[in-house]
């Protein structure tokens, strides 16, 4: 049987606003059709992220980093090809004009 997964990260601002206004975790969880453990887990994760940010930690994306240097390398290669084409055109022009 498939596991039921609910994305709750986008609800965090609203949940913390309701929590600060005095609603209980159980009331908030029931209104969003979440279990109490899901709500507690969300609050725990958000509090941990807040503490890390206060300590100066920079949040980064999960997973393997993107290959930006490959994009730079491709851009440099394309620029090199373009410059070679320009020099070839200029050499042809100068040879036709009789300067070389």
PDB file of N, CA and C in Angstrom:
ATOM      1  N   UNK A   1       0.838  -1.172   0.000  1.00  0.00           N
ATOM      2  CA  UNK A   1       0.000   0.000   0.000  1.00  0.00           C
ATOM      3  C   UNK A   1       0.887   1.242   0.000  1.00  0.00           C
ATOM      4  N   UNK A   2       0.515   2.222  -0.791  1.00  0.00           N
ATOM      5  CA  UNK A   2       1.309   3.437  -0.924  1.00  0.00           C
ATOM      6  C   UNK A   2       1.191   4.293   0.330  1.00  0.00           C
ATOM      7  N   UNK A   3       2.251   4.975   0.609  1.00  0.00           N
ATOM      8  CA  UNK A   3       2.293   5.854   1.769  1.00  0.00           C
ATOM      9  C   UNK A   3       1.651   7.180   1.406  1.00  0.00           C
ATOM     10  N   UNK A   4       0.865   7.726   2.301  1.00  0.00           N
ATOM     11  CA  UNK A   4       0.260   9.037   2.077  1.00  0.00           C
ATOM     12  C   UNK A   4       1.250  10.111   2.496  1.00  0.00           C
ATOM     13  N   UNK A   5       1.611  10.965   1.554  1.00  0.00           N
ATOM     14  CA  UNK A   5       2.561  12.034   1.833  1.00  0.00           C
ATOM     15  C   UNK A   5       1.872  13.364   1.619  1.00  0.00           C
ATOM     16  N   UNK A   6       2.024  14.255   2.574  1.00  0.00           N
ATOM     17  CA  UNK A   6       1.430  15.580   2.477  1.00  0.00           C
ATOM     18  C   UNK A   6       2.537  16.617   2.588  1.00  0.00           C
ATOM     19  N   UNK A   7       2.618  17.511   1.612  1.00  0.00           N
ATOM     20  CA  UNK A   7       3.614  18.574   1.679  1.00  0.00           C
ATOM     21  C   UNK A   7       3.100  19.655   2.617  1.00  0.00           C
ATOM     22  N   UNK A   8       3.855  19.901   3.682  1.00  0.00           N
ATOM     23  CA  UNK A   8       3.403  20.847   4.695  1.00  0.00           C
ATOM     24  C   UNK A   8       4.322  22.051   4.823  1.00  0.00           C
ATOM     25  N   UNK A   9       5.437  22.064   4.099  1.00  0.00           N
ATOM     26  CA  UNK A   9       6.391  23.170   4.227  1.00  0.00           C
ATOM     27  C   UNK A   9       5.764  24.503   3.831  1.00  0.00           C
ATOM     28  N   UNK A  10       4.901  24.490   2.824  1.00  0.00           N
ATOM     29  CA  UNK A  10       4.300  25.750   2.377  1.00  0.00           C
ATOM     30  C   UNK A  10       3.252  26.264   3.361  1.00  0.00           C
ATOM     31  N   UNK A  11       2.836  25.431   4.318  1.00  0.00           N
ATOM     32  CA  UNK A  11       1.860  25.848   5.325  1.00  0.00           C
ATOM     33  C   UNK A  11       2.516  26.427   6.573  1.00  0.00           C
ATOM     34  N   UNK A  12       3.837  26.401   6.652  1.00  0.00           N
ATOM     35  CA  UNK A  12       4.522  26.718   7.907  1.00  0.00           C
ATOM     36  C   UNK A  12       4.240  28.142   8.394  1.00  0.00           C
ATOM     37  N   UNK A  13       4.204  29.116   7.498  1.00  0.00           N
ATOM     38  CA  UNK A  13       3.962  30.501   7.938  1.00  0.00           C
ATOM     39  C   UNK A  13       2.575  30.632   8.563  1.00  0.00           C
ATOM     40  N   UNK A  14       1.582  30.040   7.924  1.00  0.00           N
ATOM     41  CA  UNK A  14       0.215  30.099   8.449  1.00  0.00           C
ATOM     42  C   UNK A  14       0.103  29.336   9.769  1.00  0.00           C
ATOM     43  N   UNK A  15       0.777  28.199   9.859  1.00  0.00           N
ATOM     44  CA  UNK A  15       0.723  27.399  11.091  1.00  0.00           C
ATOM     45  C   UNK A  15       1.342  28.170  12.248  1.00  0.00           C
ATOM     46  N   UNK A  16       2.481  28.815  12.033  1.00  0.00           N
ATOM     47  CA  UNK A  16       3.118  29.566  13.114  1.00  0.00           C
ATOM     48  C   UNK A  16       2.299  30.798  13.497  1.00  0.00           C
ATOM     49  N   UNK A  17       1.614  31.400  12.527  1.00  0.00           N
ATOM     50  CA  UNK A  17       0.745  32.526  12.849  1.00  0.00           C
ATOM     51  C   UNK A  17      -0.405  32.066  13.735  1.00  0.00           C
ATOM     52  N   UNK A  18      -1.016  30.940  13.383  1.00  0.00           N
ATOM     53  CA  UNK A  18      -2.124  30.419  14.185  1.00  0.00           C
ATOM     54  C   UNK A  18      -1.647  29.957  15.550  1.00  0.00           C
ATOM     55  N   UNK A  19      -0.438  29.396  15.599  1.00  0.00           N
ATOM     56  CA  UNK A  19       0.112  28.934  16.878  1.00  0.00           C
ATOM     57  C   UNK A  19       0.374  30.121  17.806  1.00  0.00           C
ATOM     58  N   UNK A  20       0.854  31.240  17.251  1.00  0.00           N
ATOM     59  CA  UNK A  20       1.116  32.417  18.081  1.00  0.00           C
ATOM     60  C   UNK A  20      -0.183  33.080  18.543  1.00  0.00           C
ATOM     61  N   UNK A  21      -1.274  32.853  17.805  1.00  0.00           N
ATOM     62  CA  UNK A  21      -2.555  33.423  18.232  1.00  0.00           C
ATOM     63  C   UNK A  21      -3.214  32.592  19.325  1.00  0.00           C
ATOM     64  N   UNK A  22      -2.657  31.422  19.647  1.00  0.00           N
ATOM     65  CA  UNK A  22      -3.138  30.670  20.793  1.00  0.00           C
ATOM     66  C   UNK A  22      -3.793  29.337  20.488  1.00  0.00           C
ATOM     67  N   UNK A  23      -3.853  28.927  19.227  1.00  0.00           N
ATOM     68  CA  UNK A  23      -4.455  27.633  18.912  1.00  0.00           C
ATOM     69  C   UNK A  23      -3.500  26.511  19.296  1.00  0.00           C
ATOM     70  N   UNK A  24      -4.066  25.370  19.628  1.00  0.00           N
ATOM     71  CA  UNK A  24      -3.242  24.222  20.000  1.00  0.00           C
ATOM     72  C   UNK A  24      -2.791  23.489  18.744  1.00  0.00           C
ATOM     73  N   UNK A  25      -1.771  22.658  18.918  1.00  0.00           N
ATOM     74  CA  UNK A  25      -1.276  21.865  17.795  1.00  0.00           C
ATOM     75  C   UNK A  25      -2.368  20.947  17.263  1.00  0.00           C
ATOM     76  N   UNK A  26      -3.145  20.368  18.151  1.00  0.00           N
ATOM     77  CA  UNK A  26      -4.190  19.437  17.740  1.00  0.00           C
ATOM     78  C   UNK A  26      -5.253  20.144  16.898  1.00  0.00           C
ATOM     79  N   UNK A  27      -5.651  21.338  17.299  1.00  0.00           N
ATOM     80  CA  UNK A  27      -6.658  22.084  16.537  1.00  0.00           C
ATOM     81  C   UNK A  27      -6.145  22.438  15.140  1.00  0.00           C
ATOM     82  N   UNK A  28      -4.901  22.865  15.080  1.00  0.00           N
ATOM     83  CA  UNK A  28      -4.312  23.225  13.787  1.00  0.00           C
ATOM     84  C   UNK A  28      -4.209  21.988  12.895  1.00  0.00           C
ATOM     85  N   UNK A  29      -3.753  20.873  13.470  1.00  0.00           N
ATOM     86  CA  UNK A  29      -3.602  19.639  12.696  1.00  0.00           C
ATOM     87  C   UNK A  29      -4.946  19.163  12.162  1.00  0.00           C
ATOM     88  N   UNK A  30      -5.980  19.229  12.981  1.00  0.00           N
ATOM     89  CA  UNK A  30      -7.302  18.787  12.528  1.00  0.00           C
ATOM     90  C   UNK A  30      -7.847  19.686  11.423  1.00  0.00           C
ATOM     91  N   UNK A  31      -7.562  20.979  11.485  1.00  0.00           N
ATOM     92  CA  UNK A  31      -8.087  21.877  10.456  1.00  0.00           C
ATOM     93  C   UNK A  31      -7.418  21.639   9.098  1.00  0.00           C
ATOM     94  N   UNK A  32      -6.166  21.181   9.086  1.00  0.00           N
ATOM     95  CA  UNK A  32      -5.466  20.888   7.836  1.00  0.00           C
ATOM     96  C   UNK A  32      -5.503  19.410   7.478  1.00  0.00           C
ATOM     97  N   UNK A  33      -6.217  18.595   8.241  1.00  0.00           N
ATOM     98  CA  UNK A  33      -6.316  17.143   8.030  1.00  0.00           C
ATOM     99  C   UNK A  33      -4.941  16.483   8.082  1.00  0.00           C
ATOM    100  N   UNK A  34      -4.139  16.891   9.051  1.00  0.00           N
ATOM    101  CA  UNK A  34      -2.823  16.314   9.284  1.00  0.00           C
ATOM    102  C   UNK A  34      -2.851  15.555  10.599  1.00  0.00           C
ATOM    103  N   UNK A  35      -1.882  14.653  10.763  1.00  0.00           N
ATOM    104  CA  UNK A  35      -1.759  14.007  12.065  1.00  0.00           C
ATOM    105  C   UNK A  35      -0.974  14.933  12.992  1.00  0.00           C
ATOM    106  N   UNK A  36      -1.093  14.680  14.274  1.00  0.00           N
ATOM    107  CA  UNK A  36      -0.394  15.506  15.255  1.00  0.00           C
ATOM    108  C   UNK A  36       1.118  15.356  15.096  1.00  0.00           C
ATOM    109  N   UNK A  37       1.573  14.148  14.733  1.00  0.00           N
ATOM    110  CA  UNK A  37       3.008  13.916  14.541  1.00  0.00           C
ATOM    111  C   UNK A  37       3.537  14.697  13.336  1.00  0.00           C
ATOM    112  N   UNK A  38       2.739  14.792  12.275  1.00  0.00           N
ATOM    113  CA  UNK A  38       3.175  15.575  11.113  1.00  0.00           C
ATOM    114  C   UNK A  38       3.365  17.038  11.490  1.00  0.00           C
ATOM    115  N   UNK A  39       2.438  17.562  12.258  1.00  0.00           N
ATOM    116  CA  UNK A  39       2.521  18.966  12.664  1.00  0.00           C
ATOM    117  C   UNK A  39       3.699  19.197  13.601  1.00  0.00           C
ATOM    118  N   UNK A  40       3.885  18.290  14.557  1.00  0.00           N
ATOM    119  CA  UNK A  40       5.019  18.434  15.476  1.00  0.00           C
ATOM    120  C   UNK A  40       6.345  18.342  14.726  1.00  0.00           C
ATOM    121  N   UNK A  41       6.417  17.441  13.741  1.00  0.00           N
ATOM    122  CA  UNK A  41       7.631  17.318  12.937  1.00  0.00           C
ATOM    123  C   UNK A  41       7.921  18.586  12.160  1.00  0.00           C
ATOM    124  N   UNK A  42       6.879  19.188  11.594  1.00  0.00           N
ATOM    125  CA  UNK A  42       7.049  20.445  10.860  1.00  0.00           C
ATOM    126  C   UNK A  42       7.570  21.540  11.779  1.00  0.00           C
ATOM    127  N   UNK A  43       6.971  21.663  12.951  1.00  0.00           N
ATOM    128  CA  UNK A  43       7.388  22.700  13.898  1.00  0.00           C
ATOM    129  C   UNK A  43       8.829  22.471  14.337  1.00  0.00           C
ATOM    130  N   UNK A  44       9.183  21.204  14.572  1.00  0.00           N
ATOM    131  CA  UNK A  44      10.549  20.880  14.984  1.00  0.00           C
ATOM    132  C   UNK A  44      11.549  21.241  13.885  1.00  0.00           C
ATOM    133  N   UNK A  45      11.225  20.902  12.631  1.00  0.00           N
ATOM    134  CA  UNK A  45      12.128  21.219  11.513  1.00  0.00           C
ATOM    135  C   UNK A  45      12.291  22.720  11.328  1.00  0.00           C
ATOM    136  N   UNK A  46      11.185  23.458  11.395  1.00  0.00           N
ATOM    137  CA  UNK A  46      11.257  24.904  11.199  1.00  0.00           C
ATOM    138  C   UNK A  46      12.027  25.580  12.329  1.00  0.00           C
ATOM    139  N   UNK A  47      11.831  25.113  13.569  1.00  0.00           N
ATOM    140  CA  UNK A  47      12.586  25.679  14.693  1.00  0.00           C
ATOM    141  C   UNK A  47      14.075  25.395  14.545  1.00  0.00           C
ATOM    142  N   UNK A  48      14.423  24.178  14.081  1.00  0.00           N
ATOM    143  CA  UNK A  48      15.828  23.825  13.881  1.00  0.00           C
ATOM    144  C   UNK A  48      16.442  24.713  12.797  1.00  0.00           C
ATOM    145  N   UNK A  49      15.710  24.917  11.692  1.00  0.00           N
ATOM    146  CA  UNK A  49      16.212  25.795  10.630  1.00  0.00           C
ATOM    147  C   UNK A  49      16.416  27.218  11.142  1.00  0.00           C
ATOM    148  N   UNK A  50      15.472  27.700  11.958  1.00  0.00           N
ATOM    149  CA  UNK A  50      15.596  29.047  12.522  1.00  0.00           C
ATOM    150  C   UNK A  50      16.812  29.184  13.415  1.00  0.00           C
ATOM    151  N   UNK A  51      17.065  28.162  14.251  1.00  0.00           N
ATOM    152  CA  UNK A  51      18.247  28.200  15.124  1.00  0.00           C
ATOM    153  C   UNK A  51      19.527  28.197  14.307  1.00  0.00           C
ATOM    154  N   UNK A  52      19.567  27.376  13.259  1.00  0.00           N
ATOM    155  CA  UNK A  52      20.766  27.318  12.428  1.00  0.00           C
ATOM    156  C   UNK A  52      21.025  28.651  11.730  1.00  0.00           C
ATOM    157  N   UNK A  53      19.977  29.288  11.243  1.00  0.00           N
ATOM    158  CA  UNK A  53      20.136  30.582  10.572  1.00  0.00           C
ATOM    159  C   UNK A  53      20.627  31.633  11.555  1.00  0.00           C
ATOM    160  N   UNK A  54      20.114  31.610  12.788  1.00  0.00           N
ATOM    161  CA  UNK A  54      20.573  32.565  13.804  1.00  0.00           C
ATOM    162  C   UNK A  54      22.046  32.371  14.125  1.00  0.00           C
ATOM    163  N   UNK A  55      22.530  31.129  14.051  1.00  0.00           N
ATOM    164  CA  UNK A  55      23.932  30.851  14.346  1.00  0.00           C
ATOM    165  C   UNK A  55      24.842  31.158  13.160  1.00  0.00           C
ATOM    166  N   UNK A  56      24.256  31.562  12.046  1.00  0.00           N
ATOM    167  CA  UNK A  56      25.064  31.951  10.899  1.00  0.00           C
ATOM    168  C   UNK A  56      25.196  30.882   9.836  1.00  0.00           C
ATOM    169  N   UNK A  57      24.472  29.790   9.951  1.00  0.00           N
ATOM    170  CA  UNK A  57      24.536  28.720   8.967  1.00  0.00           C
ATOM    171  C   UNK A  57      23.800  29.145   7.705  1.00  0.00           C
ATOM    172  N   UNK A  58      24.365  28.842   6.553  1.00  0.00           N
ATOM    173  CA  UNK A  58      23.744  29.170   5.279  1.00  0.00           C
ATOM    174  C   UNK A  58      23.055  27.913   4.762  1.00  0.00           C
ATOM    175  N   UNK A  59      21.738  27.996   4.562  1.00  0.00           N
ATOM    176  CA  UNK A  59      20.997  26.846   4.066  1.00  0.00           C
ATOM    177  C   UNK A  59      21.349  26.608   2.607  1.00  0.00           C
ATOM    178  N   UNK A  60      21.587  25.349   2.268  1.00  0.00           N
ATOM    179  CA  UNK A  60      21.936  24.987   0.901  1.00  0.00           C
ATOM    180  C   UNK A  60      20.954  23.957   0.375  1.00  0.00           C
ATOM    181  N   UNK A  61      20.900  23.843  -0.944  1.00  0.00           N
ATOM    182  CA  UNK A  61      20.042  22.843  -1.563  1.00  0.00           C
ATOM    183  C   UNK A  61      20.544  21.456  -1.237  1.00  0.00           C
ATOM    184  N   UNK A  62      19.633  20.517  -1.138  1.00  0.00           N
ATOM    185  CA  UNK A  62      20.022  19.132  -0.930  1.00  0.00           C
ATOM    186  C   UNK A  62      20.404  18.518  -2.264  1.00  0.00           C
ATOM    187  N   UNK A  63      21.192  17.473  -2.201  1.00  0.00           N
ATOM    188  CA  UNK A  63      21.538  16.741  -3.406  1.00  0.00           C
ATOM    189  C   UNK A  63      22.855  17.186  -4.007  1.00  0.00           C
ATOM    190  N   UNK A  64      23.124  16.612  -5.157  1.00  0.00           N
ATOM    191  CA  UNK A  64      24.371  16.891  -5.844  1.00  0.00           C
ATOM    192  C   UNK A  64      24.356  18.310  -6.407  1.00  0.00           C
ATOM    193  N   UNK A  65      25.448  19.057  -6.236  1.00  0.00           N
ATOM    194  CA  UNK A  65      25.489  20.426  -6.757  1.00  0.00           C
ATOM    195  C   UNK A  65      25.460  20.445  -8.286  1.00  0.00           C
ATOM    196  N   UNK A  66      24.917  21.519  -8.829  1.00  0.00           N
ATOM    197  CA  UNK A  66      24.847  21.667 -10.269  1.00  0.00           C
ATOM    198  C   UNK A  66      26.233  21.966 -10.840  1.00  0.00           C
ATOM    199  N   UNK A  67      26.435  21.588 -12.096  1.00  0.00           N
ATOM    200  CA  UNK A  67      27.730  21.808 -12.733  1.00  0.00           C
ATOM    201  C   UNK A  67      27.726  23.154 -13.437  1.00  0.00           C
ATOM    202  N   UNK A  68      28.031  24.204 -12.693  1.00  0.00           N
ATOM    203  CA  UNK A  68      28.071  25.540 -13.273  1.00  0.00           C
ATOM    204  C   UNK A  68      29.339  25.740 -14.095  1.00  0.00           C
ATOM    205  N   UNK A  69      30.425  25.106 -13.664  1.00  0.00           N
ATOM    206  CA  UNK A  69      31.671  25.291 -14.390  1.00  0.00           C
ATOM    207  C   UNK A  69      31.582  24.717 -15.798  1.00  0.00           C
ATOM    208  N   UNK A  70      30.758  23.706 -16.014  1.00  0.00           N
ATOM    209  CA  UNK A  70      30.576  23.171 -17.362  1.00  0.00           C
ATOM    210  C   UNK A  70      29.905  24.216 -18.244  1.00  0.00           C
ATOM    211  N   UNK A  71      28.976  24.966 -17.679  1.00  0.00           N
ATOM    212  CA  UNK A  71      28.325  26.024 -18.443  1.00  0.00           C
ATOM    213  C   UNK A  71      29.325  27.117 -18.803  1.00  0.00           C
ATOM    214  N   UNK A  72      30.197  27.458 -17.873  1.00  0.00           N
ATOM    215  CA  UNK A  72      31.227  28.462 -18.153  1.00  0.00           C
ATOM    216  C   UNK A  72      32.183  27.957 -19.224  1.00  0.00           C
ATOM    217  N   UNK A  73      32.530  26.675 -19.123  1.00  0.00           N
ATOM    218  CA  UNK A  73      33.431  26.084 -20.103  1.00  0.00           C
ATOM    219  C   UNK A  73      32.793  26.103 -21.492  1.00  0.00           C
ATOM    220  N   UNK A  74      31.525  25.781 -21.565  1.00  0.00           N
ATOM    221  CA  UNK A  74      30.817  25.816 -22.846  1.00  0.00           C
ATOM    222  C   UNK A  74      30.766  27.233 -23.397  1.00  0.00           C
ATOM    223  N   UNK A  75      30.516  28.206 -22.528  1.00  0.00           N
ATOM    224  CA  UNK A  75      30.467  29.600 -22.972  1.00  0.00           C
ATOM    225  C   UNK A  75      31.827  30.043 -23.507  1.00  0.00           C
ATOM    226  N   UNK A  76      32.902  29.654 -22.826  1.00  0.00           N
ATOM    227  CA  UNK A  76      34.246  30.020 -23.293  1.00  0.00           C
ATOM    228  C   UNK A  76      34.566  29.361 -24.632  1.00  0.00           C
ATOM    229  N   UNK A  77      34.178  28.101 -24.782  1.00  0.00           N
ATOM    230  CA  UNK A  77      34.416  27.419 -26.059  1.00  0.00           C
ATOM    231  C   UNK A  77      33.653  28.096 -27.193  1.00  0.00           C
ATOM    232  N   UNK A  78      32.404  28.443 -26.927  1.00  0.00           N
ATOM    233  CA  UNK A  78      31.610  29.119 -27.959  1.00  0.00           C
ATOM    234  C   UNK A  78      32.219  30.463 -28.324  1.00  0.00           C
ATOM    235  N   UNK A  79      32.706  31.196 -27.326  1.00  0.00           N
ATOM    236  CA  UNK A  79      33.341  32.483 -27.589  1.00  0.00           C
ATOM    237  C   UNK A  79      34.611  32.301 -28.410  1.00  0.00           C
ATOM    238  N   UNK A  80      35.368  31.268 -28.096  1.00  0.00           N
ATOM    239  CA  UNK A  80      36.601  30.987 -28.830  1.00  0.00           C
ATOM    240  C   UNK A  80      36.291  30.665 -30.296  1.00  0.00           C
ATOM    241  N   UNK A  81      35.268  29.865 -30.525  1.00  0.00           N
ATOM    242  CA  UNK A  81      34.868  29.526 -31.895  1.00  0.00           C
ATOM    243  C   UNK A  81      34.427  30.776 -32.648  1.00  0.00           C
ATOM    244  N   UNK A  82      33.657  31.627 -31.985  1.00  0.00           N
ATOM    245  CA  UNK A  82      33.186  32.859 -32.616  1.00  0.00           C
ATOM    246  C   UNK A  82      34.359  33.777 -32.982  1.00  0.00           C
ATOM    247  N   UNK A  83      35.335  33.901 -32.075  1.00  0.00           N
ATOM    248  CA  UNK A  83      36.495  34.753 -32.356  1.00  0.00           C
ATOM    249  C   UNK A  83      37.335  34.193 -33.494  1.00  0.00           C
ATOM    250  N   UNK A  84      37.475  32.880 -33.570  1.00  0.00           N
ATOM    251  CA  UNK A  84      38.211  32.274 -34.682  1.00  0.00           C
ATOM    252  C   UNK A  84      37.520  32.552 -36.011  1.00  0.00           C
ATOM    253  N   UNK A  85      36.186  32.470 -36.002  1.00  0.00           N
ATOM    254  CA  UNK A  85      35.439  32.767 -37.227  1.00  0.00           C
ATOM    255  C   UNK A  85      35.644  34.219 -37.637  1.00  0.00           C
ATOM    256  N   UNK A  86      35.637  35.138 -36.699  1.00  0.00           N
ATOM    257  CA  UNK A  86      35.842  36.560 -37.014  1.00  0.00           C
ATOM    258  C   UNK A  86      37.234  36.802 -37.592  1.00  0.00           C
ATOM    259  N   UNK A  87      38.244  36.194 -36.963  1.00  0.00           N
ATOM    260  CA  UNK A  87      39.609  36.390 -37.471  1.00  0.00           C
ATOM    261  C   UNK A  87      39.754  35.812 -38.871  1.00  0.00           C
ATOM    262  N   UNK A  88      39.095  34.692 -39.131  1.00  0.00           N
ATOM    263  CA  UNK A  88      39.157  34.114 -40.473  1.00  0.00           C
ATOM    264  C   UNK A  88      38.521  35.049 -41.502  1.00  0.00           C
ATOM    265  N   UNK A  89      37.385  35.640 -41.141  1.00  0.00           N
ATOM    266  CA  UNK A  89      36.716  36.577 -42.049  1.00  0.00           C
ATOM    267  C   UNK A  89      37.599  37.798 -42.281  1.00  0.00           C
ATOM    268  N   UNK A  90      38.219  38.331 -41.230  1.00  0.00           N
ATOM    269  CA  UNK A  90      39.092  39.501 -41.380  1.00  0.00           C
ATOM    270  C   UNK A  90      40.327  39.174 -42.210  1.00  0.00           C
ATOM    271  N   UNK A  91      40.900  37.988 -42.030  1.00  0.00           N
ATOM    272  CA  UNK A  91      42.063  37.594 -42.830  1.00  0.00           C
ATOM    273  C   UNK A  91      41.689  37.490 -44.308  1.00  0.00           C
ATOM    274  N   UNK A  92      40.523  36.896 -44.565  1.00  0.00           N
ATOM    275  CA  UNK A  92      40.074  36.799 -45.963  1.00  0.00           C
ATOM    276  C   UNK A  92      39.875  38.187 -46.561  1.00  0.00           C
ATOM    277  N   UNK A  93      39.295  39.090 -45.780  1.00  0.00           N
ATOM    278  CA  UNK A  93      39.074  40.456 -46.269  1.00  0.00           C
ATOM    279  C   UNK A  93      40.397  41.152 -46.557  1.00  0.00           C
ATOM    280  N   UNK A  94      41.354  41.013 -45.636  1.00  0.00           N
ATOM    281  CA  UNK A  94      42.649  41.670 -45.835  1.00  0.00           C
ATOM    282  C   UNK A  94      43.408  41.069 -47.012  1.00  0.00           C
ATOM    283  N   UNK A  95      43.302  39.765 -47.192  1.00  0.00           N
ATOM    284  CA  UNK A  95      43.998  39.157 -48.332  1.00  0.00           C
ATOM    285  C   UNK A  95      43.364  39.594 -49.654  1.00  0.00           C
ATOM    286  N   UNK A  96      42.044  39.766 -49.665  1.00  0.00           N
ATOM    287  CA  UNK A  96      41.371  40.258 -50.870  1.00  0.00           C
ATOM    288  C   UNK A  96      41.710  41.722 -51.127  1.00  0.00           C
ATOM    289  N   UNK A  97      41.912  42.485 -50.074  1.00  0.00           N
ATOM    290  CA  UNK A  97      42.246  43.898 -50.229  1.00  0.00           C
ATOM    291  C   UNK A  97      43.707  44.077 -50.599  1.00  0.00           C
ATOM    292  N   UNK A  98      44.523  43.040 -50.498  1.00  0.00           N
ATOM    293  CA  UNK A  98      45.914  43.097 -50.896  1.00  0.00           C
ATOM    294  C   UNK A  98      46.844  43.554 -49.803  1.00  0.00           C
ATOM    295  N   UNK A  99      46.442  43.498 -48.588  1.00  0.00           N
ATOM    296  CA  UNK A  99      47.308  43.950 -47.500  1.00  0.00           C
ATOM    297  C   UNK A  99      48.228  42.846 -47.011  1.00  0.00           C
ATOM    298  N   UNK A 100      47.929  41.625 -47.306  1.00  0.00           N
ATOM    299  CA  UNK A 100      48.763  40.529 -46.809  1.00  0.00           C
ATOM    300  C   UNK A 100      49.355  39.752 -47.915  1.00  0.00           C
TER     301      UNK A 100
END
